[in-house]
Protein backbone atom coordinates (compact mmCIF):
# COMPACT_ATOMS: atom_id res chain seq x y z
CA MET A 1 3.65 -28.35 12.91
CA ASN A 2 2.70 -32.01 12.44
CA ARG A 3 0.60 -31.98 15.61
CA PHE A 4 -1.84 -29.63 13.85
CA CYS A 5 -2.13 -31.76 10.74
CA LYS A 6 -3.22 -35.08 12.24
CA ASN A 7 -6.39 -36.56 10.78
CA ASP A 8 -9.07 -38.62 12.47
CA ASN A 9 -10.23 -42.06 11.33
CA HIS A 10 -12.22 -40.53 8.47
CA GLY A 11 -9.31 -38.44 7.15
CA THR A 12 -10.72 -35.17 8.49
CA PRO A 13 -8.14 -32.70 9.85
CA GLN A 14 -10.14 -31.94 13.03
CA ARG A 15 -7.50 -29.94 14.90
CA LEU A 16 -6.83 -27.70 11.94
CA THR A 17 -10.56 -27.29 11.38
CA TRP A 18 -11.00 -26.10 14.97
CA ILE A 19 -7.91 -23.89 14.80
CA THR A 20 -9.24 -22.06 11.75
CA GLY A 21 -12.94 -22.37 12.56
CA ILE A 22 -12.91 -20.67 15.96
CA PRO A 23 -11.09 -17.50 14.81
CA SER A 24 -13.31 -17.39 11.70
CA ALA A 25 -16.43 -17.59 13.85
CA LEU A 26 -15.09 -14.87 16.16
CA LEU A 27 -14.33 -12.58 13.20
CA ALA A 28 -17.78 -13.21 11.75
CA GLY A 29 -19.31 -12.39 15.14
CA VAL A 30 -17.34 -9.18 15.65
CA PHE A 31 -17.32 -7.61 12.17
CA PRO A 32 -20.34 -6.81 10.00
CA ILE A 33 -21.35 -9.95 8.11
CA LYS A 34 -21.43 -8.09 4.77
CA ALA A 35 -17.77 -7.09 5.17
CA VAL A 36 -16.80 -10.66 6.08
CA ALA A 37 -18.83 -12.07 3.17
CA ASP A 38 -17.33 -9.60 0.68
CA LEU A 39 -13.79 -10.36 1.88
CA THR A 40 -14.50 -14.08 1.55
CA ASN A 41 -15.90 -13.55 -1.94
CA ILE A 42 -12.96 -11.52 -3.22
CA SER A 43 -10.49 -14.00 -1.73
CA ILE A 44 -12.13 -17.02 -3.34
CA LEU A 45 -12.51 -15.23 -6.68
CA ALA A 46 -8.84 -14.16 -6.61
CA ALA A 47 -7.82 -17.75 -5.87
CA PHE A 48 -9.95 -18.94 -8.80
CA VAL A 49 -8.26 -16.41 -11.11
CA VAL A 50 -4.85 -17.72 -10.01
CA VAL A 51 -5.93 -21.34 -10.55
CA CYS A 52 -7.28 -20.60 -14.04
CA LEU A 53 -4.11 -18.76 -14.99
CA SER A 54 -2.00 -21.59 -13.58
CA VAL A 55 -3.89 -24.17 -15.65
CA ILE A 56 -3.16 -22.24 -18.83
CA ILE A 57 0.52 -21.71 -17.99
CA PHE A 58 1.04 -25.28 -16.79
CA ARG A 59 -0.58 -26.82 -19.87
CA TYR A 60 1.74 -24.92 -22.19
CA LYS A 61 4.96 -25.01 -20.17
CA LYS A 62 4.68 -28.71 -19.18
CA PRO A 63 2.72 -30.40 -21.96
CA ASP A 64 4.12 -33.88 -21.16
CA THR A 65 3.00 -33.91 -17.54
CA PRO A 66 0.46 -36.66 -16.85
CA ARG A 67 -3.08 -35.32 -16.40
CA THR A 68 -5.86 -36.91 -14.40
CA PHE A 69 -8.53 -35.10 -16.39
CA ARG A 70 -9.07 -33.51 -19.76
CA LEU A 71 -10.08 -29.90 -20.14
CA PRO A 72 -12.34 -29.17 -23.10
CA PHE A 73 -11.62 -26.01 -25.11
CA MET A 74 -8.33 -25.63 -23.30
CA PRO A 75 -7.48 -21.95 -23.26
CA VAL A 76 -11.08 -20.78 -23.60
CA VAL A 77 -12.57 -22.29 -20.43
CA PRO A 78 -9.88 -21.05 -18.00
CA ALA A 79 -9.72 -17.67 -19.75
CA PHE A 80 -13.48 -17.32 -19.38
CA GLY A 81 -13.16 -18.32 -15.72
CA MET A 82 -10.58 -15.60 -15.22
CA LEU A 83 -12.70 -12.98 -16.96
CA ALA A 84 -15.89 -13.93 -15.10
CA SER A 85 -14.15 -13.97 -11.73
CA GLY A 86 -12.35 -10.71 -12.51
CA PHE A 87 -15.66 -9.09 -13.44
CA LEU A 88 -17.25 -10.23 -10.17
CA MET A 89 -14.24 -8.93 -8.26
CA LEU A 90 -14.52 -5.52 -9.94
CA GLU A 91 -18.15 -5.29 -8.85
CA LEU A 92 -17.13 -5.35 -5.17
CA HIS A 93 -16.80 -2.13 -3.19
CA TRP A 94 -13.44 -0.32 -2.91
CA GLU A 95 -13.37 -0.94 0.85
CA THR A 96 -13.40 -4.66 0.14
CA TRP A 97 -10.46 -4.21 -2.22
CA LEU A 98 -8.57 -2.24 0.44
CA ARG A 99 -9.18 -4.95 3.06
CA PHE A 100 -8.18 -7.61 0.54
CA VAL A 101 -4.89 -5.88 -0.36
CA ILE A 102 -4.01 -5.37 3.32
CA TRP A 103 -4.89 -8.97 4.15
CA LEU A 104 -2.91 -10.20 1.15
CA LEU A 105 0.18 -8.17 2.12
CA VAL A 106 0.04 -9.45 5.70
CA ASP A 107 -0.34 -13.05 4.46
CA LEU A 108 2.52 -12.68 1.98
CA ALA A 109 4.78 -11.24 4.67
CA ILE A 110 4.01 -14.17 6.99
CA TYR A 111 4.49 -16.64 4.13
CA PHE A 112 7.89 -15.30 3.09
CA ILE A 113 9.19 -14.78 6.62
CA CYS A 114 8.21 -18.30 7.70
CA GLY A 115 9.22 -19.78 4.35
CA ARG A 116 12.67 -18.25 4.51
CA LYS A 117 13.19 -19.42 8.06
CA HIS A 118 11.98 -23.01 7.50
CA SER A 119 13.06 -23.58 3.91
CA LEU A 120 15.05 -26.72 3.22
CA MET A 121 17.28 -24.62 0.95
CA ASN A 122 18.18 -22.16 3.74
CA PRO A 123 21.55 -23.28 5.15
CA ASP A 124 20.68 -21.71 8.55
CA SER A 125 17.44 -23.69 8.84
CA PRO A 126 17.38 -26.60 11.27
CA ARG A 127 15.66 -28.59 8.50
CA HIS A 128 18.38 -27.88 5.91
CA ASP A 129 19.88 -31.38 6.08
CA GLU A 130 16.55 -33.17 5.65
CA CYS A 131 16.04 -35.15 2.49
CA VAL A 132 12.77 -34.97 0.65
CA VAL A 133 12.00 -38.18 -1.19
CA LEU A 134 9.87 -37.85 -4.28
CA PRO A 135 7.09 -40.39 -4.61
CA HIS A 136 7.79 -43.10 -7.18
CA SER A 137 11.56 -42.83 -7.15
CA GLU A 138 13.64 -44.41 -9.88
CA THR A 139 11.94 -47.77 -9.28
CA TYR A 140 8.81 -46.19 -10.73
CA GLU A 141 7.52 -48.07 -13.72
CA SER A 142 4.75 -46.85 -15.92
CA THR A 143 3.18 -48.01 -19.11
CA ASP A 144 2.62 -44.37 -20.02
CA ALA A 145 5.78 -43.03 -21.65
CA GLY A 146 4.93 -39.39 -20.78
CA THR A 147 4.46 -40.20 -17.09
CA ALA A 148 7.68 -42.20 -16.87
CA ALA A 149 9.66 -39.51 -18.72
CA TYR A 150 8.31 -36.75 -16.47
CA GLN A 151 9.05 -38.73 -13.30
CA GLY A 152 12.58 -39.50 -14.49
CA ARG A 153 13.24 -35.80 -15.17
CA ALA A 154 11.78 -34.83 -11.77
CA ASN A 155 13.96 -37.38 -9.96
CA ALA A 156 17.07 -36.26 -11.85
CA ALA A 157 16.36 -32.60 -11.08
CA PHE A 158 15.81 -33.43 -7.41
CA ARG A 159 19.09 -35.36 -7.18
CA SER A 160 21.01 -32.57 -8.89
CA ARG A 161 19.69 -30.08 -6.30
CA ASN A 162 20.04 -32.31 -3.24
CA GLY A 163 22.84 -34.71 -4.05
CA ASP A 164 22.67 -38.43 -4.68
CA ASN A 165 22.64 -39.29 -0.98
CA CYS A 166 18.94 -38.37 -0.72
CA ARG A 167 17.01 -41.45 -1.73
């Protein structure tokens, strides 16, 4: 899989861009552009709903996690984003919803089948014995107490799942 993810000198994933761009162009050339546009719209809006919901959940379940930005009016802005996106999604035709559900089910099936096969936690996976090293291991020092505490808990949780030999 790494051969698809290589970047050029500017950090652009060219191979992956071509791999996804060519089939997308073919689909846009074969199917009616309105259907393709509506499916793109509902997919992006659904992703935005999930992101807004995740922000709300993450802020309340992990309040000590270091943040790179501040969100004004915390639950109001993401909740409004969810409502606005949901409203726009409801305005789309039922055929778009049908295509979206079918596409989502196919994607989820591929995700879970491939994920189960290649998961590091699957004992039958060829990658089962690999060690994943968290960035900023226990040598991580931070002046921010919340960041250091979170990283220490993450490292401890990782070691408890994977054993102390993974460093």
